[in-house]
Amino acid sequence: MARPVKTPGPDHPITVTPSTEHVVVRAGDRVVADTTRSLTLQESTYPAVHYIPIEDVDQSAIERTDTSTYCPYKGDASYYSITGDQALTDVIWTYDEPYPSVKEITGHVAFYPNKVSISVE
């Protein structure tokens, strides 16, 4: 069965803009990501999301899971868990091959703000 593919527009705008803000993600006291190269994705009326380059995430702190979801505007999302003492399941998502309208987020990940601490300076 074909899944719907939607294009952002006036009724559901999506913008992706580079940010020079310093973004730090912590799971408890552990720094999991630290960057000044994030992208801010603003989708419709949802809260803005910082997408962080995967290179700026502590690779020893994360592990890919089998979880996947689908967004008709962005494509198939894959998930990571944070490992170690502050283990958190499926707290990070990424679009390995996002749709063309949000292609800038390729190679970036986002974190659920209700599961980790995200500071933006």
PDB file of N, CA and C in Angstrom:
ATOM      1  N   MET A   1       0.835  -1.181   0.000  1.00  0.00           N
ATOM      2  CA  MET A   1       0.000   0.000   0.000  1.00  0.00           C
ATOM      3  C   MET A   1       0.883   1.248   0.000  1.00  0.00           C
ATOM      4  N   ALA A   2       0.615   2.148  -0.879  1.00  0.00           N
ATOM      5  CA  ALA A   2       1.407   3.373  -0.989  1.00  0.00           C
ATOM      6  C   ALA A   2       1.119   4.305   0.183  1.00  0.00           C
ATOM      7  N   ARG A   3       2.171   4.898   0.690  1.00  0.00           N
ATOM      8  CA  ARG A   3       2.016   5.872   1.772  1.00  0.00           C
ATOM      9  C   ARG A   3       1.918   7.266   1.166  1.00  0.00           C
ATOM     10  N   PRO A   4       1.162   8.145   1.813  1.00  0.00           N
ATOM     11  CA  PRO A   4       1.037   9.502   1.273  1.00  0.00           C
ATOM     12  C   PRO A   4       2.358  10.263   1.385  1.00  0.00           C
ATOM     13  N   VAL A   5       2.639  11.047   0.364  1.00  0.00           N
ATOM     14  CA  VAL A   5       3.792  11.946   0.376  1.00  0.00           C
ATOM     15  C   VAL A   5       3.239  13.344   0.218  1.00  0.00           C
ATOM     16  N   LYS A   6       3.527  14.205   1.205  1.00  0.00           N
ATOM     17  CA  LYS A   6       2.999  15.568   1.176  1.00  0.00           C
ATOM     18  C   LYS A   6       4.127  16.575   1.015  1.00  0.00           C
ATOM     19  N   THR A   7       3.822  17.655   0.324  1.00  0.00           N
ATOM     20  CA  THR A   7       4.788  18.729   0.112  1.00  0.00           C
ATOM     21  C   THR A   7       4.422  19.898   1.007  1.00  0.00           C
ATOM     22  N   PRO A   8       5.412  20.431   1.754  1.00  0.00           N
ATOM     23  CA  PRO A   8       5.117  21.607   2.572  1.00  0.00           C
ATOM     24  C   PRO A   8       4.578  22.746   1.714  1.00  0.00           C
ATOM     25  N   GLY A   9       3.690  23.520   2.300  1.00  0.00           N
ATOM     26  CA  GLY A   9       3.102  24.651   1.585  1.00  0.00           C
ATOM     27  C   GLY A   9       2.463  25.593   2.577  1.00  0.00           C
ATOM     28  N   PRO A  10       1.653  26.526   2.111  1.00  0.00           N
ATOM     29  CA  PRO A  10       1.049  27.526   2.995  1.00  0.00           C
ATOM     30  C   PRO A  10       0.227  26.923   4.134  1.00  0.00           C
ATOM     31  N   ASP A  11      -0.400  25.772   3.892  1.00  0.00           N
ATOM     32  CA  ASP A  11      -1.215  25.155   4.939  1.00  0.00           C
ATOM     33  C   ASP A  11      -0.384  24.340   5.932  1.00  0.00           C
ATOM     34  N   HIS A  12       0.842  23.979   5.558  1.00  0.00           N
ATOM     35  CA  HIS A  12       1.740  23.217   6.432  1.00  0.00           C
ATOM     36  C   HIS A  12       3.187  23.555   6.051  1.00  0.00           C
ATOM     37  N   PRO A  13       3.655  24.765   6.433  1.00  0.00           N
ATOM     38  CA  PRO A  13       5.010  25.171   6.051  1.00  0.00           C
ATOM     39  C   PRO A  13       6.076  24.451   6.871  1.00  0.00           C
ATOM     40  N   ILE A  14       7.210  24.201   6.229  1.00  0.00           N
ATOM     41  CA  ILE A  14       8.387  23.655   6.905  1.00  0.00           C
ATOM     42  C   ILE A  14       9.590  24.442   6.416  1.00  0.00           C
ATOM     43  N   THR A  15      10.372  24.950   7.364  1.00  0.00           N
ATOM     44  CA  THR A  15      11.622  25.623   7.016  1.00  0.00           C
ATOM     45  C   THR A  15      12.769  24.958   7.769  1.00  0.00           C
ATOM     46  N   VAL A  16      13.932  24.948   7.135  1.00  0.00           N
ATOM     47  CA  VAL A  16      15.152  24.440   7.752  1.00  0.00           C
ATOM     48  C   VAL A  16      16.199  25.537   7.607  1.00  0.00           C
ATOM     49  N   THR A  17      16.708  26.019   8.752  1.00  0.00           N
ATOM     50  CA  THR A  17      17.683  27.109   8.713  1.00  0.00           C
ATOM     51  C   THR A  17      18.887  26.768   9.581  1.00  0.00           C
ATOM     52  N   PRO A  18      20.080  27.134   9.112  1.00  0.00           N
ATOM     53  CA  PRO A  18      21.281  26.919   9.925  1.00  0.00           C
ATOM     54  C   PRO A  18      21.223  27.769  11.194  1.00  0.00           C
ATOM     55  N   SER A  19      21.775  27.230  12.254  1.00  0.00           N
ATOM     56  CA  SER A  19      21.829  27.950  13.521  1.00  0.00           C
ATOM     57  C   SER A  19      23.276  28.039  13.988  1.00  0.00           C
ATOM     58  N   THR A  20      23.643  29.167  14.553  1.00  0.00           N
ATOM     59  CA  THR A  20      24.985  29.310  15.129  1.00  0.00           C
ATOM     60  C   THR A  20      24.927  29.207  16.651  1.00  0.00           C
ATOM     61  N   GLU A  21      23.741  28.900  17.177  1.00  0.00           N
ATOM     62  CA  GLU A  21      23.606  28.754  18.622  1.00  0.00           C
ATOM     63  C   GLU A  21      24.364  27.523  19.101  1.00  0.00           C
ATOM     64  N   HIS A  22      24.805  27.580  20.351  1.00  0.00           N
ATOM     65  CA  HIS A  22      25.491  26.449  20.965  1.00  0.00           C
ATOM     66  C   HIS A  22      24.433  25.540  21.581  1.00  0.00           C
ATOM     67  N   VAL A  23      24.327  24.332  21.071  1.00  0.00           N
ATOM     68  CA  VAL A  23      23.336  23.368  21.537  1.00  0.00           C
ATOM     69  C   VAL A  23      24.067  22.223  22.239  1.00  0.00           C
ATOM     70  N   VAL A  24      23.665  21.952  23.480  1.00  0.00           N
ATOM     71  CA  VAL A  24      24.236  20.851  24.248  1.00  0.00           C
ATOM     72  C   VAL A  24      23.093  19.957  24.708  1.00  0.00           C
ATOM     73  N   VAL A  25      23.250  18.653  24.485  1.00  0.00           N
ATOM     74  CA  VAL A  25      22.243  17.675  24.899  1.00  0.00           C
ATOM     75  C   VAL A  25      22.853  16.799  25.986  1.00  0.00           C
ATOM     76  N   ARG A  26      22.118  16.666  27.097  1.00  0.00           N
ATOM     77  CA  ARG A  26      22.584  15.847  28.211  1.00  0.00           C
ATOM     78  C   ARG A  26      21.541  14.799  28.569  1.00  0.00           C
ATOM     79  N   ALA A  27      22.035  13.616  28.905  1.00  0.00           N
ATOM     80  CA  ALA A  27      21.223  12.566  29.512  1.00  0.00           C
ATOM     81  C   ALA A  27      21.734  12.474  30.939  1.00  0.00           C
ATOM     82  N   GLY A  28      21.011  13.048  31.871  1.00  0.00           N
ATOM     83  CA  GLY A  28      21.529  13.185  33.229  1.00  0.00           C
ATOM     84  C   GLY A  28      22.695  14.153  33.200  1.00  0.00           C
ATOM     85  N   ASP A  29      23.837  13.738  33.711  1.00  0.00           N
ATOM     86  CA  ASP A  29      25.040  14.578  33.703  1.00  0.00           C
ATOM     87  C   ASP A  29      25.929  14.340  32.484  1.00  0.00           C
ATOM     88  N   ARG A  30      25.590  13.361  31.684  1.00  0.00           N
ATOM     89  CA  ARG A  30      26.422  12.979  30.534  1.00  0.00           C
ATOM     90  C   ARG A  30      26.093  13.833  29.315  1.00  0.00           C
ATOM     91  N   VAL A  31      27.117  14.452  28.738  1.00  0.00           N
ATOM     92  CA  VAL A  31      26.932  15.207  27.491  1.00  0.00           C
ATOM     93  C   VAL A  31      26.902  14.196  26.346  1.00  0.00           C
ATOM     94  N   VAL A  32      25.801  14.191  25.632  1.00  0.00           N
ATOM     95  CA  VAL A  32      25.603  13.258  24.523  1.00  0.00           C
ATOM     96  C   VAL A  32      25.873  13.943  23.180  1.00  0.00           C
ATOM     97  N   ALA A  33      25.610  15.246  23.110  1.00  0.00           N
ATOM     98  CA  ALA A  33      25.847  16.002  21.879  1.00  0.00           C
ATOM     99  C   ALA A  33      26.226  17.430  22.238  1.00  0.00           C
ATOM    100  N   ASP A  34      27.096  18.009  21.416  1.00  0.00           N
ATOM    101  CA  ASP A  34      27.567  19.379  21.636  1.00  0.00           C
ATOM    102  C   ASP A  34      27.901  19.958  20.265  1.00  0.00           C
ATOM    103  N   THR A  35      27.213  21.026  19.878  1.00  0.00           N
ATOM    104  CA  THR A  35      27.422  21.560  18.528  1.00  0.00           C
ATOM    105  C   THR A  35      27.135  23.056  18.445  1.00  0.00           C
ATOM    106  N   THR A  36      27.734  23.677  17.457  1.00  0.00           N
ATOM    107  CA  THR A  36      27.372  25.028  17.026  1.00  0.00           C
ATOM    108  C   THR A  36      26.970  24.978  15.549  1.00  0.00           C
ATOM    109  N   ARG A  37      26.652  23.771  15.071  1.00  0.00           N
ATOM    110  CA  ARG A  37      26.323  23.568  13.651  1.00  0.00           C
ATOM    111  C   ARG A  37      24.954  22.942  13.458  1.00  0.00           C
ATOM    112  N   SER A  38      24.035  23.209  14.361  1.00  0.00           N
ATOM    113  CA  SER A  38      22.713  22.589  14.235  1.00  0.00           C
ATOM    114  C   SER A  38      21.880  23.280  13.154  1.00  0.00           C
ATOM    115  N   LEU A  39      20.820  22.605  12.780  1.00  0.00           N
ATOM    116  CA  LEU A  39      19.812  23.170  11.890  1.00  0.00           C
ATOM    117  C   LEU A  39      18.517  23.275  12.688  1.00  0.00           C
ATOM    118  N   THR A  40      17.780  24.347  12.483  1.00  0.00           N
ATOM    119  CA  THR A  40      16.491  24.501  13.135  1.00  0.00           C
ATOM    120  C   THR A  40      15.399  24.207  12.127  1.00  0.00           C
ATOM    121  N   LEU A  41      14.604  23.171  12.425  1.00  0.00           N
ATOM    122  CA  LEU A  41      13.483  22.813  11.559  1.00  0.00           C
ATOM    123  C   LEU A  41      12.214  23.317  12.229  1.00  0.00           C
ATOM    124  N   GLN A  42      11.513  24.188  11.524  1.00  0.00           N
ATOM    125  CA  GLN A  42      10.235  24.707  12.006  1.00  0.00           C
ATOM    126  C   GLN A  42       9.148  24.135  11.113  1.00  0.00           C
ATOM    127  N   GLU A  43       8.291  23.314  11.710  1.00  0.00           N
ATOM    128  CA  GLU A  43       7.218  22.672  10.962  1.00  0.00           C
ATOM    129  C   GLU A  43       5.870  23.175  11.452  1.00  0.00           C
ATOM    130  N   SER A  44       5.179  23.861  10.588  1.00  0.00           N
ATOM    131  CA  SER A  44       3.841  24.370  10.866  1.00  0.00           C
ATOM    132  C   SER A  44       3.816  25.077  12.226  1.00  0.00           C
ATOM    133  N   THR A  45       2.902  24.684  13.096  1.00  0.00           N
ATOM    134  CA  THR A  45       2.790  25.332  14.409  1.00  0.00           C
ATOM    135  C   THR A  45       3.466  24.530  15.515  1.00  0.00           C
ATOM    136  N   TYR A  46       4.211  23.469  15.151  1.00  0.00           N
ATOM    137  CA  TYR A  46       4.911  22.657  16.142  1.00  0.00           C
ATOM    138  C   TYR A  46       6.120  23.425  16.682  1.00  0.00           C
ATOM    139  N   PRO A  47       6.591  23.067  17.870  1.00  0.00           N
ATOM    140  CA  PRO A  47       7.812  23.705  18.387  1.00  0.00           C
ATOM    141  C   PRO A  47       8.996  23.431  17.445  1.00  0.00           C
ATOM    142  N   ALA A  48       9.891  24.390  17.341  1.00  0.00           N
ATOM    143  CA  ALA A  48      11.094  24.225  16.519  1.00  0.00           C
ATOM    144  C   ALA A  48      11.941  23.086  17.078  1.00  0.00           C
ATOM    145  N   VAL A  49      12.619  22.378  16.166  1.00  0.00           N
ATOM    146  CA  VAL A  49      13.459  21.236  16.546  1.00  0.00           C
ATOM    147  C   VAL A  49      14.873  21.489  16.042  1.00  0.00           C
ATOM    148  N   HIS A  50      15.858  21.270  16.937  1.00  0.00           N
ATOM    149  CA  HIS A  50      17.262  21.367  16.548  1.00  0.00           C
ATOM    150  C   HIS A  50      17.716  20.018  16.021  1.00  0.00           C
ATOM    151  N   TYR A  51      18.187  19.997  14.782  1.00  0.00           N
ATOM    152  CA  TYR A  51      18.782  18.810  14.189  1.00  0.00           C
ATOM    153  C   TYR A  51      20.294  18.987  14.264  1.00  0.00           C
ATOM    154  N   ILE A  52      20.961  18.024  14.891  1.00  0.00           N
ATOM    155  CA  ILE A  52      22.392  18.099  15.193  1.00  0.00           C
ATOM    156  C   ILE A  52      23.153  17.160  14.264  1.00  0.00           C
ATOM    157  N   PRO A  53      24.286  17.628  13.712  1.00  0.00           N
ATOM    158  CA  PRO A  53      25.078  16.714  12.875  1.00  0.00           C
ATOM    159  C   PRO A  53      25.453  15.468  13.680  1.00  0.00           C
ATOM    160  N   ILE A  54      25.307  14.310  13.075  1.00  0.00           N
ATOM    161  CA  ILE A  54      25.615  13.054  13.763  1.00  0.00           C
ATOM    162  C   ILE A  54      27.075  13.038  14.229  1.00  0.00           C
ATOM    163  N   GLU A  55      27.951  13.760  13.529  1.00  0.00           N
ATOM    164  CA  GLU A  55      29.364  13.820  13.930  1.00  0.00           C
ATOM    165  C   GLU A  55      29.547  14.523  15.271  1.00  0.00           C
ATOM    166  N   ASP A  56      28.573  15.337  15.672  1.00  0.00           N
ATOM    167  CA  ASP A  56      28.670  16.076  16.930  1.00  0.00           C
ATOM    168  C   ASP A  56      27.953  15.356  18.077  1.00  0.00           C
ATOM    169  N   VAL A  57      27.619  14.093  17.859  1.00  0.00           N
ATOM    170  CA  VAL A  57      27.001  13.253  18.878  1.00  0.00           C
ATOM    171  C   VAL A  57      28.039  12.228  19.321  1.00  0.00           C
ATOM    172  N   ASP A  58      28.135  11.997  20.629  1.00  0.00           N
ATOM    173  CA  ASP A  58      29.054  11.003  21.180  1.00  0.00           C
ATOM    174  C   ASP A  58      28.620   9.614  20.714  1.00  0.00           C
ATOM    175  N   GLN A  59      29.344   9.064  19.765  1.00  0.00           N
ATOM    176  CA  GLN A  59      28.959   7.779  19.164  1.00  0.00           C
ATOM    177  C   GLN A  59      28.993   6.623  20.171  1.00  0.00           C
ATOM    178  N   SER A  60      29.805   6.765  21.213  1.00  0.00           N
ATOM    179  CA  SER A  60      29.866   5.707  22.226  1.00  0.00           C
ATOM    180  C   SER A  60      28.632   5.728  23.130  1.00  0.00           C
ATOM    181  N   ALA A  61      27.829   6.770  23.020  1.00  0.00           N
ATOM    182  CA  ALA A  61      26.656   6.930  23.889  1.00  0.00           C
ATOM    183  C   ALA A  61      25.355   6.500  23.235  1.00  0.00           C
ATOM    184  N   ILE A  62      25.408   6.146  21.949  1.00  0.00           N
ATOM    185  CA  ILE A  62      24.155   5.842  21.244  1.00  0.00           C
ATOM    186  C   ILE A  62      24.216   4.486  20.558  1.00  0.00           C
ATOM    187  N   GLU A  63      23.023   3.942  20.330  1.00  0.00           N
ATOM    188  CA  GLU A  63      22.905   2.657  19.642  1.00  0.00           C
ATOM    189  C   GLU A  63      21.637   2.659  18.799  1.00  0.00           C
ATOM    190  N   ARG A  64      21.781   2.285  17.552  1.00  0.00           N
ATOM    191  CA  ARG A  64      20.634   2.247  16.629  1.00  0.00           C
ATOM    192  C   ARG A  64      19.643   1.178  17.087  1.00  0.00           C
ATOM    193  N   THR A  65      18.350   1.455  16.936  1.00  0.00           N
ATOM    194  CA  THR A  65      17.323   0.471  17.283  1.00  0.00           C
ATOM    195  C   THR A  65      16.589   0.052  16.013  1.00  0.00           C
ATOM    196  N   ASP A  66      15.658  -0.866  16.161  1.00  0.00           N
ATOM    197  CA  ASP A  66      14.862  -1.330  15.019  1.00  0.00           C
ATOM    198  C   ASP A  66      13.608  -0.492  14.805  1.00  0.00           C
ATOM    199  N   THR A  67      13.394   0.505  15.656  1.00  0.00           N
ATOM    200  CA  THR A  67      12.187   1.322  15.572  1.00  0.00           C
ATOM    201  C   THR A  67      12.227   2.209  14.332  1.00  0.00           C
ATOM    202  N   SER A  68      11.079   2.356  13.694  1.00  0.00           N
ATOM    203  CA  SER A  68      10.961   3.283  12.571  1.00  0.00           C
ATOM    204  C   SER A  68       9.548   3.860  12.568  1.00  0.00           C
ATOM    205  N   THR A  69       9.437   5.073  12.055  1.00  0.00           N
ATOM    206  CA  THR A  69       8.146   5.724  11.890  1.00  0.00           C
ATOM    207  C   THR A  69       8.140   6.410  10.530  1.00  0.00           C
ATOM    208  N   TYR A  70       6.986   6.923  10.156  1.00  0.00           N
ATOM    209  CA  TYR A  70       6.850   7.577   8.864  1.00  0.00           C
ATOM    210  C   TYR A  70       6.185   8.934   9.025  1.00  0.00           C
ATOM    211  N   CYS A  71       6.746   9.931   8.365  1.00  0.00           N
ATOM    212  CA  CYS A  71       6.148  11.262   8.292  1.00  0.00           C
ATOM    213  C   CYS A  71       5.889  11.568   6.822  1.00  0.00           C
ATOM    214  N   PRO A  72       4.668  11.928   6.457  1.00  0.00           N
ATOM    215  CA  PRO A  72       4.386  12.186   5.040  1.00  0.00           C
ATOM    216  C   PRO A  72       5.120  13.413   4.491  1.00  0.00           C
ATOM    217  N   TYR A  73       5.663  14.264   5.356  1.00  0.00           N
ATOM    218  CA  TYR A  73       6.398  15.455   4.911  1.00  0.00           C
ATOM    219  C   TYR A  73       7.912  15.241   4.874  1.00  0.00           C
ATOM    220  N   LYS A  74       8.412  14.300   5.706  1.00  0.00           N
ATOM    221  CA  LYS A  74       9.865  14.134   5.823  1.00  0.00           C
ATOM    222  C   LYS A  74      10.367  12.759   5.408  1.00  0.00           C
ATOM    223  N   GLY A  75       9.526  11.730   5.489  1.00  0.00           N
ATOM    224  CA  GLY A  75       9.941  10.392   5.073  1.00  0.00           C
ATOM    225  C   GLY A  75      10.025   9.419   6.231  1.00  0.00           C
ATOM    226  N   ASP A  76      10.888   8.400   6.074  1.00  0.00           N
ATOM    227  CA  ASP A  76      11.056   7.354   7.082  1.00  0.00           C
ATOM    228  C   ASP A  76      12.080   7.776   8.124  1.00  0.00           C
ATOM    229  N   ALA A  77      11.692   7.683   9.387  1.00  0.00           N
ATOM    230  CA  ALA A  77      12.597   8.012  10.491  1.00  0.00           C
ATOM    231  C   ALA A  77      13.104   6.732  11.139  1.00  0.00           C
ATOM    232  N   SER A  78      14.373   6.744  11.514  1.00  0.00           N
ATOM    233  CA  SER A  78      14.998   5.674  12.274  1.00  0.00           C
ATOM    234  C   SER A  78      15.359   6.239  13.637  1.00  0.00           C
ATOM    235  N   TYR A  79      15.601   5.340  14.594  1.00  0.00           N
ATOM    236  CA  TYR A  79      15.804   5.778  15.974  1.00  0.00           C
ATOM    237  C   TYR A  79      17.084   5.233  16.594  1.00  0.00           C
ATOM    238  N   TYR A  80      17.553   5.974  17.607  1.00  0.00           N
ATOM    239  CA  TYR A  80      18.692   5.571  18.426  1.00  0.00           C
ATOM    240  C   TYR A  80      18.272   5.635  19.884  1.00  0.00           C
ATOM    241  N   SER A  81      18.905   4.794  20.667  1.00  0.00           N
ATOM    242  CA  SER A  81      18.770   4.873  22.121  1.00  0.00           C
ATOM    243  C   SER A  81      20.075   5.384  22.691  1.00  0.00           C
ATOM    244  N   ILE A  82      20.009   5.971  23.875  1.00  0.00           N
ATOM    245  CA  ILE A  82      21.198   6.358  24.616  1.00  0.00           C
ATOM    246  C   ILE A  82      21.523   5.199  25.547  1.00  0.00           C
ATOM    247  N   THR A  83      22.789   4.809  25.567  1.00  0.00           N
ATOM    248  CA  THR A  83      23.226   3.665  26.353  1.00  0.00           C
ATOM    249  C   THR A  83      23.903   4.124  27.644  1.00  0.00           C
ATOM    250  N   GLY A  84      24.208   3.178  28.503  1.00  0.00           N
ATOM    251  CA  GLY A  84      24.948   3.476  29.726  1.00  0.00           C
ATOM    252  C   GLY A  84      24.043   3.678  30.917  1.00  0.00           C
ATOM    253  N   ASP A  85      24.572   4.367  31.942  1.00  0.00           N
ATOM    254  CA  ASP A  85      23.843   4.567  33.197  1.00  0.00           C
ATOM    255  C   ASP A  85      22.536   5.332  33.003  1.00  0.00           C
ATOM    256  N   GLN A  86      22.507   6.256  32.066  1.00  0.00           N
ATOM    257  CA  GLN A  86      21.306   7.043  31.785  1.00  0.00           C
ATOM    258  C   GLN A  86      20.630   6.529  30.517  1.00  0.00           C
ATOM    259  N   ALA A  87      20.445   5.210  30.422  1.00  0.00           N
ATOM    260  CA  ALA A  87      19.883   4.596  29.214  1.00  0.00           C
ATOM    261  C   ALA A  87      18.469   5.109  28.943  1.00  0.00           C
ATOM    262  N   LEU A  88      18.238   5.463  27.697  1.00  0.00           N
ATOM    263  CA  LEU A  88      16.936   5.962  27.247  1.00  0.00           C
ATOM    264  C   LEU A  88      16.642   5.342  25.888  1.00  0.00           C
ATOM    265  N   THR A  89      15.495   4.728  25.747  1.00  0.00           N
ATOM    266  CA  THR A  89      15.134   4.028  24.517  1.00  0.00           C
ATOM    267  C   THR A  89      14.476   4.967  23.505  1.00  0.00           C
ATOM    268  N   ASP A  90      14.931   4.872  22.262  1.00  0.00           N
ATOM    269  CA  ASP A  90      14.329   5.615  21.141  1.00  0.00           C
ATOM    270  C   ASP A  90      14.174   7.108  21.437  1.00  0.00           C
ATOM    271  N   VAL A  91      15.216   7.714  21.940  1.00  0.00           N
ATOM    272  CA  VAL A  91      15.178   9.129  22.310  1.00  0.00           C
ATOM    273  C   VAL A  91      15.684  10.042  21.187  1.00  0.00           C
ATOM    274  N   ILE A  92      16.288   9.440  20.167  1.00  0.00           N
ATOM    275  CA  ILE A  92      16.877  10.188  19.048  1.00  0.00           C
ATOM    276  C   ILE A  92      16.248   9.682  17.757  1.00  0.00           C
ATOM    277  N   TRP A  93      15.920  10.617  16.853  1.00  0.00           N
ATOM    278  CA  TRP A  93      15.442  10.177  15.544  1.00  0.00           C
ATOM    279  C   TRP A  93      16.235  10.842  14.439  1.00  0.00           C
ATOM    280  N   THR A  94      16.236  10.206  13.287  1.00  0.00           N
ATOM    281  CA  THR A  94      16.952  10.711  12.124  1.00  0.00           C
ATOM    282  C   THR A  94      16.235  10.273  10.853  1.00  0.00           C
ATOM    283  N   TYR A  95      16.390  11.051   9.823  1.00  0.00           N
ATOM    284  CA  TYR A  95      15.868  10.704   8.503  1.00  0.00           C
ATOM    285  C   TYR A  95      17.080  10.443   7.609  1.00  0.00           C
ATOM    286  N   ASP A  96      17.383   9.166   7.354  1.00  0.00           N
ATOM    287  CA  ASP A  96      18.554   8.826   6.548  1.00  0.00           C
ATOM    288  C   ASP A  96      18.416   9.324   5.118  1.00  0.00           C
ATOM    289  N   GLU A  97      17.208   9.257   4.582  1.00  0.00           N
ATOM    290  CA  GLU A  97      16.937   9.724   3.227  1.00  0.00           C
ATOM    291  C   GLU A  97      15.670  10.573   3.247  1.00  0.00           C
ATOM    292  N   PRO A  98      15.763  11.789   3.807  1.00  0.00           N
ATOM    293  CA  PRO A  98      14.560  12.631   3.901  1.00  0.00           C
ATOM    294  C   PRO A  98      14.078  13.056   2.519  1.00  0.00           C
ATOM    295  N   TYR A  99      12.804  13.424   2.478  1.00  0.00           N
ATOM    296  CA  TYR A  99      12.245  13.912   1.221  1.00  0.00           C
ATOM    297  C   TYR A  99      12.972  15.195   0.784  1.00  0.00           C
ATOM    298  N   PRO A 100      12.960  15.481  -0.523  1.00  0.00           N
ATOM    299  CA  PRO A 100      13.706  16.626  -1.055  1.00  0.00           C
ATOM    300  C   PRO A 100      13.414  17.965  -0.366  1.00  0.00           C
ATOM    301  N   SER A 101      12.193  18.169   0.103  1.00  0.00           N
ATOM    302  CA  SER A 101      11.848  19.460   0.703  1.00  0.00           C
ATOM    303  C   SER A 101      12.590  19.724   2.020  1.00  0.00           C
ATOM    304  N   VAL A 102      13.135  18.669   2.636  1.00  0.00           N
ATOM    305  CA  VAL A 102      13.896  18.831   3.897  1.00  0.00           C
ATOM    306  C   VAL A 102      15.247  18.124   3.805  1.00  0.00           C
ATOM    307  N   LYS A 103      15.801  18.057   2.607  1.00  0.00           N
ATOM    308  CA  LYS A 103      17.041  17.309   2.375  1.00  0.00           C
ATOM    309  C   LYS A 103      18.201  17.786   3.253  1.00  0.00           C
ATOM    310  N   GLU A 104      18.131  19.025   3.742  1.00  0.00           N
ATOM    311  CA  GLU A 104      19.210  19.575   4.570  1.00  0.00           C
ATOM    312  C   GLU A 104      19.426  18.782   5.861  1.00  0.00           C
ATOM    313  N   ILE A 105      18.405  18.064   6.337  1.00  0.00           N
ATOM    314  CA  ILE A 105      18.549  17.338   7.608  1.00  0.00           C
ATOM    315  C   ILE A 105      19.237  15.979   7.445  1.00  0.00           C
ATOM    316  N   THR A 106      19.618  15.635   6.219  1.00  0.00           N
ATOM    317  CA  THR A 106      20.389  14.409   6.003  1.00  0.00           C
ATOM    318  C   THR A 106      21.649  14.475   6.863  1.00  0.00           C
ATOM    319  N   GLY A 107      21.950  13.378   7.570  1.00  0.00           N
ATOM    320  CA  GLY A 107      23.154  13.338   8.402  1.00  0.00           C
ATOM    321  C   GLY A 107      22.995  14.029   9.743  1.00  0.00           C
ATOM    322  N   HIS A 108      21.773  14.398  10.095  1.00  0.00           N
ATOM    323  CA  HIS A 108      21.481  15.065  11.361  1.00  0.00           C
ATOM    324  C   HIS A 108      20.512  14.227  12.185  1.00  0.00           C
ATOM    325  N   VAL A 109      20.541  14.440  13.491  1.00  0.00           N
ATOM    326  CA  VAL A 109      19.629  13.745  14.400  1.00  0.00           C
ATOM    327  C   VAL A 109      18.937  14.769  15.288  1.00  0.00           C
ATOM    328  N   ALA A 110      17.797  14.367  15.825  1.00  0.00           N
ATOM    329  CA  ALA A 110      17.048  15.215  16.754  1.00  0.00           C
ATOM    330  C   ALA A 110      16.735  14.400  18.003  1.00  0.00           C
ATOM    331  N   PHE A 111      16.552  15.096  19.114  1.00  0.00           N
ATOM    332  CA  PHE A 111      16.318  14.470  20.413  1.00  0.00           C
ATOM    333  C   PHE A 111      14.949  14.860  20.953  1.00  0.00           C
ATOM    334  N   TYR A 112      14.286  13.927  21.624  1.00  0.00           N
ATOM    335  CA  TYR A 112      13.030  14.243  22.293  1.00  0.00           C
ATOM    336  C   TYR A 112      13.329  15.110  23.513  1.00  0.00           C
ATOM    337  N   PRO A 113      12.839  16.353  23.529  1.00  0.00           N
ATOM    338  CA  PRO A 113      13.164  17.264  24.634  1.00  0.00           C
ATOM    339  C   PRO A 113      12.551  16.873  25.975  1.00  0.00           C
ATOM    340  N   ASN A 114      11.568  15.992  25.970  1.00  0.00           N
ATOM    341  CA  ASN A 114      10.985  15.541  27.231  1.00  0.00           C
ATOM    342  C   ASN A 114      11.753  14.359  27.828  1.00  0.00           C
ATOM    343  N   LYS A 115      12.795  13.878  27.108  1.00  0.00           N
ATOM    344  CA  LYS A 115      13.573  12.739  27.592  1.00  0.00           C
ATOM    345  C   LYS A 115      15.016  13.095  27.927  1.00  0.00           C
ATOM    346  N   VAL A 116      15.522  14.212  27.374  1.00  0.00           N
ATOM    347  CA  VAL A 116      16.882  14.681  27.630  1.00  0.00           C
ATOM    348  C   VAL A 116      16.830  16.172  27.940  1.00  0.00           C
ATOM    349  N   SER A 117      17.946  16.689  28.398  1.00  0.00           N
ATOM    350  CA  SER A 117      18.068  18.130  28.630  1.00  0.00           C
ATOM    351  C   SER A 117      18.742  18.748  27.415  1.00  0.00           C
ATOM    352  N   ILE A 118      18.094  19.722  26.795  1.00  0.00           N
ATOM    353  CA  ILE A 118      18.659  20.409  25.634  1.00  0.00           C
ATOM    354  C   ILE A 118      18.840  21.871  26.006  1.00  0.00           C
ATOM    355  N   SER A 119      20.090  22.315  26.048  1.00  0.00           N
ATOM    356  CA  SER A 119      20.334  23.730  26.336  1.00  0.00           C
ATOM    357  C   SER A 119      20.796  24.419  25.063  1.00  0.00           C
ATOM    358  N   VAL A 120      20.258  25.618  24.841  1.00  0.00           N
ATOM    359  CA  VAL A 120      20.567  26.401  23.662  1.00  0.00           C
ATOM    360  C   VAL A 120      21.046  27.764  24.122  1.00  0.00           C
ATOM    361  N   GLU A 121      22.252  28.125  23.738  1.00  0.00           N
ATOM    362  CA  GLU A 121      22.833  29.420  24.160  1.00  0.00           C
ATOM    363  C   GLU A 121      23.172  30.269  22.951  1.00  0.00           C
TER     364      GLU A 121
END
